[in-house]
C-alpha atoms as a PDB file:
ATOM      1  CA  UNK A   1     111.964  83.897 109.891  1.00  0.00           C
ATOM      2  CA  UNK A   2     108.702  83.169 107.727  1.00  0.00           C
ATOM      3  CA  UNK A   3     106.853  82.185 110.946  1.00  0.00           C
ATOM      4  CA  UNK A   4     107.821  85.719 112.402  1.00  0.00           C
ATOM      5  CA  UNK A   5     106.703  87.437 109.209  1.00  0.00           C
ATOM      6  CA  UNK A   6     103.637  85.527 109.037  1.00  0.00           C
ATOM      7  CA  UNK A   7     102.856  86.335 112.841  1.00  0.00           C
ATOM      8  CA  UNK A   8     103.568  90.093 112.154  1.00  0.00           C
ATOM      9  CA  UNK A   9     101.147  90.105 109.079  1.00  0.00           C
ATOM     10  CA  UNK A  10      98.240  88.419 110.924  1.00  0.00           C
ATOM     11  CA  UNK A  11      98.702  90.752 114.010  1.00  0.00           C
ATOM     12  CA  UNK A  12      98.574  93.864 111.844  1.00  0.00           C
ATOM     13  CA  UNK A  13      95.312  92.553 109.909  1.00  0.00           C
ATOM     14  CA  UNK A  14      93.758  91.715 113.475  1.00  0.00           C
ATOM     15  CA  UNK A  15      94.693  95.224 114.487  1.00  0.00           C
ATOM     16  CA  UNK A  16      93.180  96.555 111.396  1.00  0.00           C
ATOM     17  CA  UNK A  17      89.828  94.902 111.935  1.00  0.00           C
ATOM     18  CA  UNK A  18      89.321  95.537 115.844  1.00  0.00           C
ATOM     19  CA  UNK A  19      88.374  98.750 117.628  1.00  0.00           C
ATOM     20  CA  UNK A  20      90.912 100.331 120.073  1.00  0.00           C
ATOM     21  CA  UNK A  21      88.812  99.146 123.015  1.00  0.00           C
ATOM     22  CA  UNK A  22      89.004  95.496 121.876  1.00  0.00           C
ATOM     23  CA  UNK A  23      92.613  95.805 121.209  1.00  0.00           C
ATOM     24  CA  UNK A  24      93.342  97.272 124.606  1.00  0.00           C
ATOM     25  CA  UNK A  25      91.479  94.414 126.221  1.00  0.00           C
ATOM     26  CA  UNK A  26      93.605  91.875 124.652  1.00  0.00           C
ATOM     27  CA  UNK A  27      96.880  93.823 125.588  1.00  0.00           C
ATOM     28  CA  UNK A  28      95.937  95.043 128.892  1.00  0.00           C
ATOM     29  CA  UNK A  29      97.998  92.433 131.008  1.00  0.00           C
ATOM     30  CA  UNK A  30     101.138  93.737 129.178  1.00  0.00           C
ATOM     31  CA  UNK A  31     100.941  97.478 129.387  1.00  0.00           C
ATOM     32  CA  UNK A  32     101.838  98.017 132.909  1.00  0.00           C
ATOM     33  CA  UNK A  33     100.755 100.995 134.649  1.00  0.00           C
ATOM     34  CA  UNK A  34      99.758 103.093 131.910  1.00  0.00           C
ATOM     35  CA  UNK A  35      96.111 104.349 131.905  1.00  0.00           C
ATOM     36  CA  UNK A  36      93.511 102.917 129.757  1.00  0.00           C
ATOM     37  CA  UNK A  37      92.600 106.408 128.361  1.00  0.00           C
ATOM     38  CA  UNK A  38      96.403 106.914 127.310  1.00  0.00           C
ATOM     39  CA  UNK A  39      96.484 103.545 125.454  1.00  0.00           C
ATOM     40  CA  UNK A  40      93.310 104.042 123.576  1.00  0.00           C
ATOM     41  CA  UNK A  41      94.803 107.329 122.286  1.00  0.00           C
ATOM     42  CA  UNK A  42      97.979 105.716 121.342  1.00  0.00           C
ATOM     43  CA  UNK A  43      96.239 102.715 119.606  1.00  0.00           C
ATOM     44  CA  UNK A  44      93.929 105.252 117.728  1.00  0.00           C
ATOM     45  CA  UNK A  45      96.876 107.269 116.475  1.00  0.00           C
ATOM     46  CA  UNK A  46      98.671 104.010 115.353  1.00  0.00           C
ATOM     47  CA  UNK A  47      95.812 102.614 113.519  1.00  0.00           C
ATOM     48  CA  UNK A  48      95.579 105.733 111.532  1.00  0.00           C
ATOM     49  CA  UNK A  49      99.245 105.574 110.400  1.00  0.00           C
ATOM     50  CA  UNK A  50      99.686 101.850 110.056  1.00  0.00           C
ATOM     51  CA  UNK A  51     100.502 100.503 106.635  1.00  0.00           C
ATOM     52  CA  UNK A  52      98.187  97.513 106.534  1.00  0.00           C
ATOM     53  CA  UNK A  53      99.439  96.374 103.030  1.00  0.00           C
ATOM     54  CA  UNK A  54     102.986  96.100 104.181  1.00  0.00           C
ATOM     55  CA  UNK A  55     104.329  97.652 100.994  1.00  0.00           C
ATOM     56  CA  UNK A  56     107.432  99.849 100.230  1.00  0.00           C
ATOM     57  CA  UNK A  57     108.280 101.410  96.840  1.00  0.00           C
ATOM     58  CA  UNK A  58     111.770 101.769  95.617  1.00  0.00           C
ATOM     59  CA  UNK A  59     111.817 105.370  96.648  1.00  0.00           C
ATOM     60  CA  UNK A  60     110.853 104.779 100.298  1.00  0.00           C
ATOM     61  CA  UNK A  61     113.513 101.895 100.476  1.00  0.00           C
ATOM     62  CA  UNK A  62     116.186 104.107  99.000  1.00  0.00           C
ATOM     63  CA  UNK A  63     115.589 106.706 101.872  1.00  0.00           C
ATOM     64  CA  UNK A  64     115.543 103.973 104.458  1.00  0.00           C
ATOM     65  CA  UNK A  65     118.768 102.487 103.295  1.00  0.00           C
ATOM     66  CA  UNK A  66     120.630 105.738 104.391  1.00  0.00           C
ATOM     67  CA  UNK A  67     119.592 104.765 107.829  1.00  0.00           C
ATOM     68  CA  UNK A  68     119.620 101.091 107.973  1.00  0.00           C
ATOM     69  CA  UNK A  69     122.793 100.601 106.126  1.00  0.00           C
ATOM     70  CA  UNK A  70     125.433 102.627 107.734  1.00  0.00           C
ATOM     71  CA  UNK A  71     128.521 102.030 109.513  1.00  0.00           C
ATOM     72  CA  UNK A  72     126.949 102.255 112.892  1.00  0.00           C
ATOM     73  CA  UNK A  73     124.187  99.829 112.546  1.00  0.00           C
ATOM     74  CA  UNK A  74     126.621  97.174 111.089  1.00  0.00           C
ATOM     75  CA  UNK A  75     123.901  95.953 108.982  1.00  0.00           C
ATOM     76  CA  UNK A  76     125.158  94.958 105.283  1.00  0.00           C
ATOM     77  CA  UNK A  77     123.240  96.192 102.317  1.00  0.00           C
ATOM     78  CA  UNK A  78     120.825  93.715 100.620  1.00  0.00           C
ATOM     79  CA  UNK A  79     122.041  91.597  98.011  1.00  0.00           C
ATOM     80  CA  UNK A  80     119.966  89.489  95.514  1.00  0.00           C
ATOM     81  CA  UNK A  81     120.979  86.059  95.097  1.00  0.00           C
ATOM     82  CA  UNK A  82     119.907  83.316  92.856  1.00  0.00           C
ATOM     83  CA  UNK A  83     116.371  82.376  93.155  1.00  0.00           C
ATOM     84  CA  UNK A  84     115.707  79.223  95.164  1.00  0.00           C
ATOM     85  CA  UNK A  85     114.446  76.285  93.577  1.00  0.00           C
ATOM     86  CA  UNK A  86     111.118  75.027  95.350  1.00  0.00           C
ATOM     87  CA  UNK A  87     111.431  72.293  97.633  1.00  0.00           C
ATOM     88  CA  UNK A  88     110.341  68.898  96.514  1.00  0.00           C
ATOM     89  CA  UNK A  89     107.319  69.131  98.632  1.00  0.00           C
ATOM     90  CA  UNK A  90     106.435  72.390  97.222  1.00  0.00           C
ATOM     91  CA  UNK A  91     106.610  71.057  93.635  1.00  0.00           C
ATOM     92  CA  UNK A  92     104.425  67.999  94.438  1.00  0.00           C
ATOM     93  CA  UNK A  93     101.651  70.313  95.926  1.00  0.00           C
ATOM     94  CA  UNK A  94     102.061  72.735  92.955  1.00  0.00           C
ATOM     95  CA  UNK A  95     101.375  69.736  90.509  1.00  0.00           C
ATOM     96  CA  UNK A  96      98.724  68.421  92.657  1.00  0.00           C
ATOM     97  CA  UNK A  97      96.876  71.847  92.379  1.00  0.00           C
ATOM     98  CA  UNK A  98      97.369  71.980  88.647  1.00  0.00           C
ATOM     99  CA  UNK A  99      95.898  68.732  88.374  1.00  0.00           C
ATOM    100  CA  UNK A 100      93.035  69.653  90.628  1.00  0.00           C
ATOM    101  CA  UNK A 101      92.406  72.728  88.365  1.00  0.00           C
ATOM    102  CA  UNK A 102      92.438  70.834  85.168  1.00  0.00           C
ATOM    103  CA  UNK A 103      89.605  70.098  83.144  1.00  0.00           C
ATOM    104  CA  UNK A 104      88.593  66.534  83.271  1.00  0.00           C
ATOM    105  CA  UNK A 105      89.038  64.396  80.114  1.00  0.00           C
ATOM    106  CA  UNK A 106      86.237  63.277  78.412  1.00  0.00           C
END
């Protein structure tokens, strides 16, 4: 799941930094018979409304809940579980970073 989220984040940042023409050139093989002009209009419109920070506040989430978590979707409301403990490799990395940042003993 993290790989998917990271890929979406990177793609969003790439779209943010490139012109509609550059984006179209990258996706042209995948757009079928749609005209270049129509795609440029669509890309330009989407660039204006995209949320490049990927943030959602509590009020927006509450509005979305009404659509996402209803009987017809079959999606259960999110629950918060216990926080996970970092994996051992993460703890070692965190310790190494702390040690690297520490001032040398004199």
